[in-house]
């Protein structure tokens, strides 16, 4: 049984916990593999969640006239 929350829990304020569980599973299943996150810099909620989960900006790119 996986400890990744069910899809019904997404959007109920559990984003950080759900992402942390998914990342924890990934690290266990694929040790040493990098994890890449792509989001728009204008999406403040996603940027805050990424920072809370320990992601750091490595590179910024522009696509469709947006960062």
C-alpha atoms as a PDB file:
ATOM      1  CA  UNK A   1       0.000   0.000   0.000  1.00  0.00           C
ATOM      2  CA  UNK A   2       1.358   3.393  -0.979  1.00  0.00           C
ATOM      3  CA  UNK A   3       1.440   6.309   1.444  1.00  0.00           C
ATOM      4  CA  UNK A   4       0.670   8.771  -1.378  1.00  0.00           C
ATOM      5  CA  UNK A   5      -2.718  10.406  -0.642  1.00  0.00           C
ATOM      6  CA  UNK A   6      -5.646   9.553  -2.899  1.00  0.00           C
ATOM      7  CA  UNK A   7      -6.538  11.968  -5.684  1.00  0.00           C
ATOM      8  CA  UNK A   8      -9.687  13.043  -3.792  1.00  0.00           C
ATOM      9  CA  UNK A   9      -7.437  14.738  -1.208  1.00  0.00           C
ATOM     10  CA  UNK A  10      -5.869  17.115  -3.735  1.00  0.00           C
ATOM     11  CA  UNK A  11      -7.282  20.618  -3.463  1.00  0.00           C
ATOM     12  CA  UNK A  12      -8.286  20.175   0.187  1.00  0.00           C
ATOM     13  CA  UNK A  13      -5.310  21.959   1.717  1.00  0.00           C
ATOM     14  CA  UNK A  14      -3.098  18.884   1.724  1.00  0.00           C
ATOM     15  CA  UNK A  15      -0.872  19.806  -1.220  1.00  0.00           C
ATOM     16  CA  UNK A  16       2.388  20.020   0.729  1.00  0.00           C
ATOM     17  CA  UNK A  17       1.771  16.734   2.542  1.00  0.00           C
ATOM     18  CA  UNK A  18       0.706  14.958  -0.651  1.00  0.00           C
ATOM     19  CA  UNK A  19       3.683  16.248  -2.623  1.00  0.00           C
ATOM     20  CA  UNK A  20       6.095  15.370   0.179  1.00  0.00           C
ATOM     21  CA  UNK A  21       4.684  11.822   0.267  1.00  0.00           C
ATOM     22  CA  UNK A  22       4.979  11.469  -3.516  1.00  0.00           C
ATOM     23  CA  UNK A  23       8.537  12.818  -3.474  1.00  0.00           C
ATOM     24  CA  UNK A  24       9.422  10.492  -0.602  1.00  0.00           C
ATOM     25  CA  UNK A  25       8.159   7.525  -2.603  1.00  0.00           C
ATOM     26  CA  UNK A  26      10.095   8.660  -5.671  1.00  0.00           C
ATOM     27  CA  UNK A  27      13.362   9.003  -3.753  1.00  0.00           C
ATOM     28  CA  UNK A  28      12.914   5.493  -2.380  1.00  0.00           C
ATOM     29  CA  UNK A  29      12.007   4.011  -5.753  1.00  0.00           C
ATOM     30  CA  UNK A  30      14.617   5.889  -7.796  1.00  0.00           C
ATOM     31  CA  UNK A  31      17.527   6.836  -5.511  1.00  0.00           C
ATOM     32  CA  UNK A  32      19.865   9.436  -6.936  1.00  0.00           C
ATOM     33  CA  UNK A  33      17.538  10.479  -9.759  1.00  0.00           C
ATOM     34  CA  UNK A  34      16.869  14.219 -10.052  1.00  0.00           C
ATOM     35  CA  UNK A  35      13.371  15.650  -9.700  1.00  0.00           C
ATOM     36  CA  UNK A  36      12.447  18.562 -11.951  1.00  0.00           C
ATOM     37  CA  UNK A  37       9.564  20.919 -11.299  1.00  0.00           C
ATOM     38  CA  UNK A  38       8.154  23.243 -13.937  1.00  0.00           C
ATOM     39  CA  UNK A  39       5.707  26.004 -13.050  1.00  0.00           C
ATOM     40  CA  UNK A  40       5.089  29.612 -14.004  1.00  0.00           C
ATOM     41  CA  UNK A  41       6.799  32.188 -11.816  1.00  0.00           C
ATOM     42  CA  UNK A  42       3.495  34.096 -11.734  1.00  0.00           C
ATOM     43  CA  UNK A  43       1.866  31.145  -9.933  1.00  0.00           C
ATOM     44  CA  UNK A  44       2.601  32.276  -6.390  1.00  0.00           C
ATOM     45  CA  UNK A  45       1.009  29.234  -4.744  1.00  0.00           C
ATOM     46  CA  UNK A  46       3.096  26.811  -6.778  1.00  0.00           C
ATOM     47  CA  UNK A  47       6.258  28.799  -6.118  1.00  0.00           C
ATOM     48  CA  UNK A  48       5.596  28.805  -2.342  1.00  0.00           C
ATOM     49  CA  UNK A  49       4.872  25.070  -2.353  1.00  0.00           C
ATOM     50  CA  UNK A  50       8.033  24.357  -4.340  1.00  0.00           C
ATOM     51  CA  UNK A  51      10.106  26.380  -1.860  1.00  0.00           C
ATOM     52  CA  UNK A  52       8.434  24.613   1.099  1.00  0.00           C
ATOM     53  CA  UNK A  53       9.341  21.256  -0.447  1.00  0.00           C
ATOM     54  CA  UNK A  54      12.979  22.292  -0.820  1.00  0.00           C
ATOM     55  CA  UNK A  55      13.128  22.968  -4.557  1.00  0.00           C
ATOM     56  CA  UNK A  56      15.592  25.627  -5.651  1.00  0.00           C
ATOM     57  CA  UNK A  57      15.663  27.488  -8.932  1.00  0.00           C
ATOM     58  CA  UNK A  58      18.356  26.180 -11.226  1.00  0.00           C
ATOM     59  CA  UNK A  59      17.255  27.567 -14.549  1.00  0.00           C
ATOM     60  CA  UNK A  60      14.487  29.791 -15.851  1.00  0.00           C
ATOM     61  CA  UNK A  61      13.074  29.484 -19.341  1.00  0.00           C
ATOM     62  CA  UNK A  62      10.428  31.250 -21.338  1.00  0.00           C
ATOM     63  CA  UNK A  63       7.737  29.514 -23.356  1.00  0.00           C
ATOM     64  CA  UNK A  64       4.667  31.052 -24.987  1.00  0.00           C
ATOM     65  CA  UNK A  65       5.868  34.498 -23.845  1.00  0.00           C
ATOM     66  CA  UNK A  66       5.784  33.545 -20.147  1.00  0.00           C
ATOM     67  CA  UNK A  67       8.457  32.653 -17.612  1.00  0.00           C
END
